[in-house]
Amino acid sequence: MKGFKNFLMQGDLIVIAVGLVVALAFSTLIKAFTDSIITPLVSALEGSSTTSPGLGWTINHQFVNVGTFISAVVYFVIFMLVVYFVLVTPYRAYMARLGRKVFSAPEAAPPTKTCPACLSSDLPLAASKCRYCASDVAAA
């Protein structure tokens, strides 16, 4: 059981899970936008007619249901808040207790210098020879 817990608490697995949940929720939002707004507008342009009650308007006998899309946006916001407060916040607290940083910005790369012979720009400042062409490099 301890091995399974360690597997679940790996940083990469939680990040992937949160990303997947966000992608699925965003997919639902896009589907609601397409079904409620885009599809009725396209149907209205081609002349088919259906009517539906709710918040929206009718164009060429085709009802554009804005209320359904607003409902999907509210659902998305509430869902993201729940994911953040139920998954991300406790996971950050757990990892902070272990002394690890999660969901943070990457650290800045160390300063480098450029080789005058081959123009490689990723040499450490303390290097005296280029790792690519072996030419002498002046100290920075």
N, C-alpha and C. Protein backbone atom coordinates (compact mmCIF):
# COMPACT_ATOMS: atom_id res chain seq x y z
N MET A 1 0.83 -1.20 0.00
CA MET A 1 0.00 0.00 0.00
C MET A 1 0.87 1.26 0.00
N LYS A 2 2.00 1.20 0.71
CA LYS A 2 2.88 2.37 0.77
C LYS A 2 3.46 2.68 -0.61
N GLY A 3 3.82 1.65 -1.36
CA GLY A 3 4.34 1.86 -2.71
C GLY A 3 3.32 2.51 -3.62
N PHE A 4 2.07 2.10 -3.49
CA PHE A 4 1.00 2.69 -4.31
C PHE A 4 0.80 4.16 -3.94
N LYS A 5 0.85 4.47 -2.63
CA LYS A 5 0.72 5.86 -2.18
C LYS A 5 1.87 6.70 -2.73
N ASN A 6 3.10 6.18 -2.69
CA ASN A 6 4.25 6.92 -3.24
C ASN A 6 4.09 7.15 -4.72
N PHE A 7 3.56 6.16 -5.44
CA PHE A 7 3.32 6.33 -6.87
C PHE A 7 2.30 7.43 -7.13
N LEU A 8 1.22 7.45 -6.36
CA LEU A 8 0.18 8.46 -6.56
C LEU A 8 0.65 9.86 -6.21
N MET A 9 1.56 9.99 -5.27
CA MET A 9 1.99 11.31 -4.82
C MET A 9 3.19 11.84 -5.59
N GLN A 10 3.59 11.18 -6.65
CA GLN A 10 4.65 11.72 -7.49
C GLN A 10 4.15 13.00 -8.13
N GLY A 11 5.01 13.99 -8.24
CA GLY A 11 4.62 15.29 -8.77
C GLY A 11 4.07 15.23 -10.18
N ASP A 12 4.71 14.45 -11.05
CA ASP A 12 4.30 14.42 -12.44
C ASP A 12 2.91 13.82 -12.60
N LEU A 13 2.58 12.83 -11.83
CA LEU A 13 1.28 12.18 -11.94
C LEU A 13 0.15 13.13 -11.56
N ILE A 14 0.34 13.89 -10.49
CA ILE A 14 -0.69 14.85 -10.06
C ILE A 14 -0.84 15.96 -11.10
N VAL A 15 0.26 16.45 -11.64
CA VAL A 15 0.20 17.50 -12.65
C VAL A 15 -0.54 17.00 -13.89
N ILE A 16 -0.26 15.79 -14.31
CA ILE A 16 -0.95 15.22 -15.47
C ILE A 16 -2.43 15.04 -15.18
N ALA A 17 -2.77 14.58 -13.98
CA ALA A 17 -4.18 14.38 -13.62
C ALA A 17 -4.94 15.70 -13.60
N VAL A 18 -4.35 16.73 -13.01
CA VAL A 18 -5.01 18.04 -12.98
C VAL A 18 -5.16 18.57 -14.40
N GLY A 19 -4.13 18.42 -15.22
CA GLY A 19 -4.22 18.86 -16.61
C GLY A 19 -5.31 18.14 -17.38
N LEU A 20 -5.44 16.85 -17.15
CA LEU A 20 -6.49 16.08 -17.81
C LEU A 20 -7.88 16.53 -17.38
N VAL A 21 -8.06 16.77 -16.09
CA VAL A 21 -9.36 17.24 -15.59
C VAL A 21 -9.71 18.60 -16.18
N VAL A 22 -8.72 19.50 -16.25
CA VAL A 22 -8.96 20.83 -16.83
C VAL A 22 -9.31 20.69 -18.31
N ALA A 23 -8.60 19.84 -19.02
CA ALA A 23 -8.88 19.64 -20.45
C ALA A 23 -10.28 19.09 -20.68
N LEU A 24 -10.70 18.15 -19.85
CA LEU A 24 -12.05 17.58 -20.00
C LEU A 24 -13.12 18.63 -19.70
N ALA A 25 -12.90 19.45 -18.67
CA ALA A 25 -13.87 20.50 -18.36
C ALA A 25 -13.91 21.54 -19.46
N PHE A 26 -12.75 21.88 -20.02
CA PHE A 26 -12.72 22.85 -21.11
C PHE A 26 -13.39 22.27 -22.35
N SER A 27 -13.25 20.97 -22.55
CA SER A 27 -13.92 20.30 -23.66
C SER A 27 -15.44 20.42 -23.53
N THR A 28 -15.94 20.28 -22.31
CA THR A 28 -17.38 20.44 -22.07
C THR A 28 -17.83 21.85 -22.39
N LEU A 29 -17.01 22.83 -22.03
CA LEU A 29 -17.33 24.23 -22.31
C LEU A 29 -17.38 24.48 -23.82
N ILE A 30 -16.44 23.95 -24.55
CA ILE A 30 -16.42 24.12 -26.00
C ILE A 30 -17.62 23.43 -26.65
N LYS A 31 -17.95 22.24 -26.15
CA LYS A 31 -19.13 21.52 -26.69
C LYS A 31 -20.40 22.31 -26.46
N ALA A 32 -20.55 22.91 -25.27
CA ALA A 32 -21.74 23.71 -24.99
C ALA A 32 -21.81 24.93 -25.91
N PHE A 33 -20.67 25.57 -26.14
CA PHE A 33 -20.63 26.73 -27.03
C PHE A 33 -21.03 26.32 -28.45
N THR A 34 -20.50 25.21 -28.91
CA THR A 34 -20.81 24.74 -30.26
C THR A 34 -22.27 24.34 -30.39
N ASP A 35 -22.78 23.56 -29.42
CA ASP A 35 -24.16 23.08 -29.50
C ASP A 35 -25.19 24.20 -29.31
N SER A 36 -24.88 25.18 -28.46
CA SER A 36 -25.88 26.19 -28.11
C SER A 36 -25.83 27.43 -28.99
N ILE A 37 -24.67 27.74 -29.54
CA ILE A 37 -24.55 29.00 -30.28
C ILE A 37 -24.16 28.78 -31.74
N ILE A 38 -23.10 28.06 -32.00
CA ILE A 38 -22.61 27.90 -33.38
C ILE A 38 -23.58 27.08 -34.24
N THR A 39 -24.00 25.92 -33.75
CA THR A 39 -24.90 25.07 -34.53
C THR A 39 -26.22 25.76 -34.87
N PRO A 40 -26.88 26.45 -33.93
CA PRO A 40 -28.11 27.16 -34.31
C PRO A 40 -27.87 28.28 -35.32
N LEU A 41 -26.74 28.97 -35.22
CA LEU A 41 -26.45 30.02 -36.20
C LEU A 41 -26.24 29.44 -37.60
N VAL A 42 -25.55 28.33 -37.69
CA VAL A 42 -25.35 27.68 -38.99
C VAL A 42 -26.68 27.17 -39.53
N SER A 43 -27.49 26.58 -38.65
CA SER A 43 -28.81 26.10 -39.08
C SER A 43 -29.69 27.25 -39.53
N ALA A 44 -29.58 28.40 -38.88
CA ALA A 44 -30.38 29.56 -39.26
C ALA A 44 -29.95 30.06 -40.63
N LEU A 45 -28.67 29.99 -40.94
CA LEU A 45 -28.20 30.44 -42.25
C LEU A 45 -28.68 29.53 -43.37
N GLU A 46 -28.81 28.25 -43.08
CA GLU A 46 -29.27 27.34 -44.13
C GLU A 46 -30.79 27.25 -44.20
N GLY A 47 -31.49 27.82 -43.22
CA GLY A 47 -32.93 27.93 -43.32
C GLY A 47 -33.75 26.90 -42.58
N SER A 48 -33.14 25.98 -41.84
CA SER A 48 -33.96 25.03 -41.08
C SER A 48 -34.56 25.73 -39.88
N SER A 49 -35.62 25.16 -39.34
CA SER A 49 -36.30 25.85 -38.25
C SER A 49 -36.59 24.92 -37.09
N THR A 50 -36.13 25.34 -35.91
CA THR A 50 -36.52 24.71 -34.66
C THR A 50 -36.60 25.81 -33.63
N THR A 51 -37.48 25.65 -32.68
CA THR A 51 -37.59 26.64 -31.62
C THR A 51 -37.40 25.95 -30.29
N SER A 52 -36.87 26.70 -29.34
CA SER A 52 -36.61 26.15 -28.02
C SER A 52 -36.77 27.25 -26.99
N PRO A 53 -37.35 26.96 -25.84
CA PRO A 53 -37.48 27.99 -24.81
C PRO A 53 -36.15 28.22 -24.11
N GLY A 54 -36.01 29.36 -23.49
CA GLY A 54 -34.80 29.66 -22.72
C GLY A 54 -34.26 31.03 -23.07
N LEU A 55 -33.12 31.35 -22.47
CA LEU A 55 -32.47 32.64 -22.70
C LEU A 55 -31.77 32.60 -24.04
N GLY A 56 -32.12 33.50 -24.91
CA GLY A 56 -31.52 33.55 -26.23
C GLY A 56 -32.40 34.31 -27.20
N TRP A 57 -32.16 34.14 -28.45
CA TRP A 57 -32.96 34.81 -29.46
C TRP A 57 -33.15 33.90 -30.66
N THR A 58 -34.11 34.27 -31.50
CA THR A 58 -34.43 33.48 -32.68
C THR A 58 -33.95 34.21 -33.92
N ILE A 59 -33.21 33.50 -34.76
CA ILE A 59 -32.74 34.04 -36.03
C ILE A 59 -33.21 33.09 -37.12
N ASN A 60 -34.05 33.62 -38.02
CA ASN A 60 -34.54 32.83 -39.15
C ASN A 60 -35.17 31.52 -38.66
N HIS A 61 -36.02 31.62 -37.68
CA HIS A 61 -36.73 30.49 -37.07
C HIS A 61 -35.81 29.49 -36.38
N GLN A 62 -34.59 29.90 -36.04
CA GLN A 62 -33.63 29.04 -35.34
C GLN A 62 -33.26 29.69 -34.01
N PHE A 63 -33.46 28.98 -32.90
CA PHE A 63 -33.22 29.55 -31.57
C PHE A 63 -31.74 29.40 -31.18
N VAL A 64 -31.10 30.52 -30.86
CA VAL A 64 -29.73 30.53 -30.36
C VAL A 64 -29.82 30.55 -28.85
N ASN A 65 -29.43 29.46 -28.21
CA ASN A 65 -29.61 29.28 -26.78
C ASN A 65 -28.40 29.78 -26.00
N VAL A 66 -28.40 31.05 -25.63
CA VAL A 66 -27.31 31.65 -24.88
C VAL A 66 -27.35 31.17 -23.43
N GLY A 67 -28.51 30.89 -22.91
CA GLY A 67 -28.65 30.44 -21.52
C GLY A 67 -27.90 29.15 -21.24
N THR A 68 -27.93 28.22 -22.17
CA THR A 68 -27.20 26.96 -21.99
C THR A 68 -25.70 27.20 -21.95
N PHE A 69 -25.22 28.11 -22.80
CA PHE A 69 -23.79 28.40 -22.81
C PHE A 69 -23.37 29.11 -21.52
N ILE A 70 -24.18 30.04 -21.03
CA ILE A 70 -23.87 30.72 -19.76
C ILE A 70 -23.84 29.70 -18.63
N SER A 71 -24.75 28.77 -18.65
CA SER A 71 -24.78 27.71 -17.66
C SER A 71 -23.50 26.87 -17.72
N ALA A 72 -23.01 26.58 -18.90
CA ALA A 72 -21.77 25.81 -19.05
C ALA A 72 -20.56 26.60 -18.54
N VAL A 73 -20.55 27.91 -18.76
CA VAL A 73 -19.45 28.74 -18.26
C VAL A 73 -19.44 28.73 -16.73
N VAL A 74 -20.61 28.89 -16.12
CA VAL A 74 -20.71 28.87 -14.66
C VAL A 74 -20.27 27.51 -14.13
N TYR A 75 -20.69 26.43 -14.78
CA TYR A 75 -20.27 25.09 -14.39
C TYR A 75 -18.75 24.96 -14.46
N PHE A 76 -18.15 25.46 -15.55
CA PHE A 76 -16.70 25.39 -15.73
C PHE A 76 -15.97 26.13 -14.62
N VAL A 77 -16.41 27.32 -14.28
CA VAL A 77 -15.75 28.11 -13.22
C VAL A 77 -15.87 27.39 -11.88
N ILE A 78 -17.05 26.90 -11.54
CA ILE A 78 -17.23 26.19 -10.28
C ILE A 78 -16.39 24.91 -10.26
N PHE A 79 -16.36 24.20 -11.36
CA PHE A 79 -15.59 22.97 -11.45
C PHE A 79 -14.10 23.24 -11.26
N MET A 80 -13.59 24.31 -11.87
CA MET A 80 -12.17 24.65 -11.72
C MET A 80 -11.85 25.06 -10.29
N LEU A 81 -12.77 25.76 -9.63
CA LEU A 81 -12.55 26.12 -8.23
C LEU A 81 -12.50 24.87 -7.36
N VAL A 82 -13.37 23.93 -7.61
CA VAL A 82 -13.37 22.69 -6.84
C VAL A 82 -12.08 21.91 -7.08
N VAL A 83 -11.64 21.80 -8.34
CA VAL A 83 -10.39 21.11 -8.64
C VAL A 83 -9.23 21.78 -7.91
N TYR A 84 -9.21 23.11 -7.92
CA TYR A 84 -8.11 23.83 -7.28
C TYR A 84 -8.10 23.60 -5.77
N PHE A 85 -9.26 23.75 -5.13
CA PHE A 85 -9.29 23.67 -3.67
C PHE A 85 -9.30 22.23 -3.14
N VAL A 86 -9.72 21.26 -3.96
CA VAL A 86 -9.76 19.87 -3.50
C VAL A 86 -8.49 19.10 -3.90
N LEU A 87 -7.89 19.42 -5.05
CA LEU A 87 -6.71 18.70 -5.49
C LEU A 87 -5.41 19.49 -5.34
N VAL A 88 -5.37 20.67 -5.92
CA VAL A 88 -4.12 21.41 -6.01
C VAL A 88 -3.67 21.94 -4.65
N THR A 89 -4.53 22.59 -3.90
CA THR A 89 -4.14 23.18 -2.62
C THR A 89 -3.67 22.12 -1.61
N PRO A 90 -4.41 21.03 -1.38
CA PRO A 90 -3.88 20.02 -0.46
C PRO A 90 -2.59 19.37 -0.94
N TYR A 91 -2.44 19.19 -2.25
CA TYR A 91 -1.22 18.60 -2.77
C TYR A 91 -0.03 19.53 -2.55
N ARG A 92 -0.22 20.83 -2.77
CA ARG A 92 0.86 21.79 -2.49
C ARG A 92 1.25 21.76 -1.02
N ALA A 93 0.28 21.71 -0.12
CA ALA A 93 0.56 21.67 1.31
C ALA A 93 1.32 20.39 1.66
N TYR A 94 0.92 19.26 1.09
CA TYR A 94 1.59 17.99 1.36
C TYR A 94 3.04 18.04 0.88
N MET A 95 3.25 18.54 -0.33
CA MET A 95 4.61 18.61 -0.88
C MET A 95 5.46 19.63 -0.12
N ALA A 96 4.87 20.71 0.37
CA ALA A 96 5.61 21.68 1.18
C ALA A 96 6.10 21.04 2.47
N ARG A 97 5.28 20.18 3.08
CA ARG A 97 5.70 19.46 4.28
C ARG A 97 6.88 18.54 3.99
N LEU A 98 6.92 18.00 2.77
CA LEU A 98 8.04 17.15 2.38
C LEU A 98 9.25 17.96 1.93
N GLY A 99 9.07 19.28 1.76
CA GLY A 99 10.16 20.15 1.35
C GLY A 99 10.38 20.22 -0.14
N ARG A 100 9.36 19.92 -0.93
CA ARG A 100 9.47 19.97 -2.39
C ARG A 100 8.59 21.08 -2.94
N LYS A 101 9.03 21.70 -4.02
CA LYS A 101 8.24 22.72 -4.70
C LYS A 101 7.43 22.05 -5.82
N VAL A 102 6.17 22.43 -5.94
CA VAL A 102 5.33 21.93 -7.03
C VAL A 102 4.57 23.10 -7.64
N PHE A 103 4.22 22.95 -8.89
CA PHE A 103 3.44 23.96 -9.62
C PHE A 103 4.08 25.33 -9.50
N SER A 104 5.40 25.42 -9.59
CA SER A 104 6.07 26.71 -9.49
C SER A 104 6.80 27.00 -10.80
N ALA A 105 7.20 28.24 -10.94
CA ALA A 105 7.91 28.65 -12.15
C ALA A 105 9.30 28.00 -12.17
N PRO A 106 9.79 27.64 -13.34
CA PRO A 106 11.12 27.06 -13.41
C PRO A 106 12.19 28.08 -13.02
N GLU A 107 13.28 27.57 -12.48
CA GLU A 107 14.36 28.46 -12.08
C GLU A 107 15.07 29.01 -13.31
N ALA A 108 15.65 30.20 -13.17
CA ALA A 108 16.36 30.82 -14.28
C ALA A 108 17.62 30.04 -14.60
N ALA A 109 17.95 29.98 -15.88
CA ALA A 109 19.15 29.28 -16.32
C ALA A 109 20.39 30.07 -15.89
N PRO A 110 21.47 29.37 -15.58
CA PRO A 110 22.68 30.09 -15.18
C PRO A 110 23.24 30.90 -16.35
N PRO A 111 23.95 31.98 -16.07
CA PRO A 111 24.50 32.80 -17.16
C PRO A 111 25.54 32.02 -17.96
N THR A 112 25.60 32.30 -19.24
CA THR A 112 26.52 31.60 -20.14
C THR A 112 27.30 32.61 -20.96
N LYS A 113 28.27 32.09 -21.71
CA LYS A 113 29.03 32.94 -22.64
C LYS A 113 29.09 32.24 -23.99
N THR A 114 29.57 32.96 -25.01
CA THR A 114 29.60 32.47 -26.38
C THR A 114 31.03 32.19 -26.81
N CYS A 115 31.24 31.11 -27.52
CA CYS A 115 32.54 30.76 -28.07
C CYS A 115 32.79 31.62 -29.31
N PRO A 116 33.94 32.31 -29.40
CA PRO A 116 34.18 33.15 -30.58
C PRO A 116 34.46 32.35 -31.85
N ALA A 117 34.88 31.09 -31.73
CA ALA A 117 35.21 30.29 -32.91
C ALA A 117 33.98 29.64 -33.54
N CYS A 118 33.16 28.94 -32.73
CA CYS A 118 32.02 28.21 -33.30
C CYS A 118 30.68 28.86 -32.96
N LEU A 119 30.71 29.93 -32.19
CA LEU A 119 29.52 30.71 -31.82
C LEU A 119 28.50 29.93 -30.98
N SER A 120 28.96 28.88 -30.28
CA SER A 120 28.08 28.18 -29.35
C SER A 120 27.81 29.11 -28.17
N SER A 121 26.55 29.24 -27.81
CA SER A 121 26.20 30.23 -26.79
C SER A 121 25.82 29.63 -25.45
N ASP A 122 26.10 28.35 -25.22
CA ASP A 122 25.68 27.72 -23.97
C ASP A 122 26.87 27.27 -23.11
N LEU A 123 27.97 28.00 -23.19
CA LEU A 123 29.14 27.65 -22.39
C LEU A 123 29.05 28.28 -21.00
N PRO A 124 29.40 27.53 -19.96
CA PRO A 124 29.41 28.12 -18.62
C PRO A 124 30.42 29.26 -18.53
N LEU A 125 30.20 30.21 -17.62
CA LEU A 125 31.10 31.36 -17.48
C LEU A 125 32.50 30.93 -17.06
N ALA A 126 32.63 29.85 -16.32
CA ALA A 126 33.93 29.41 -15.83
C ALA A 126 34.71 28.59 -16.85
N ALA A 127 34.14 28.27 -18.00
CA ALA A 127 34.81 27.42 -18.99
C ALA A 127 36.00 28.15 -19.61
N SER A 128 37.08 27.40 -19.79
CA SER A 128 38.26 27.98 -20.46
C SER A 128 38.42 27.42 -21.86
N LYS A 129 37.75 26.31 -22.17
CA LYS A 129 37.75 25.72 -23.51
C LYS A 129 36.31 25.46 -23.93
N CYS A 130 36.05 25.56 -25.22
CA CYS A 130 34.72 25.29 -25.77
C CYS A 130 34.49 23.79 -25.79
N ARG A 131 33.34 23.34 -25.35
CA ARG A 131 33.04 21.91 -25.33
C ARG A 131 32.75 21.35 -26.72
N TYR A 132 32.53 22.20 -27.70
CA TYR A 132 32.19 21.74 -29.04
C TYR A 132 33.40 21.74 -29.98
N CYS A 133 34.19 22.83 -29.97
CA CYS A 133 35.30 22.92 -30.92
C CYS A 133 36.66 22.89 -30.23
N ALA A 134 36.69 22.87 -28.91
CA ALA A 134 37.92 22.78 -28.10
C ALA A 134 38.83 24.00 -28.24
N SER A 135 38.33 25.09 -28.73
CA SER A 135 39.16 26.30 -28.81
C SER A 135 39.18 26.99 -27.46
N ASP A 136 40.21 27.79 -27.22
CA ASP A 136 40.32 28.53 -25.97
C ASP A 136 39.26 29.64 -25.92
N VAL A 137 38.67 29.80 -24.77
CA VAL A 137 37.63 30.81 -24.57
C VAL A 137 38.09 31.72 -23.44
N ALA A 138 38.01 33.00 -23.65
CA ALA A 138 38.45 33.96 -22.65
C ALA A 138 37.51 33.92 -21.46
N ALA A 139 38.04 34.20 -20.29
CA ALA A 139 37.22 34.25 -19.07
C ALA A 139 36.25 35.42 -19.16
N ALA A 140 35.08 35.22 -18.60
CA ALA A 140 34.05 36.26 -18.69
C ALA A 140 34.28 37.36 -17.66
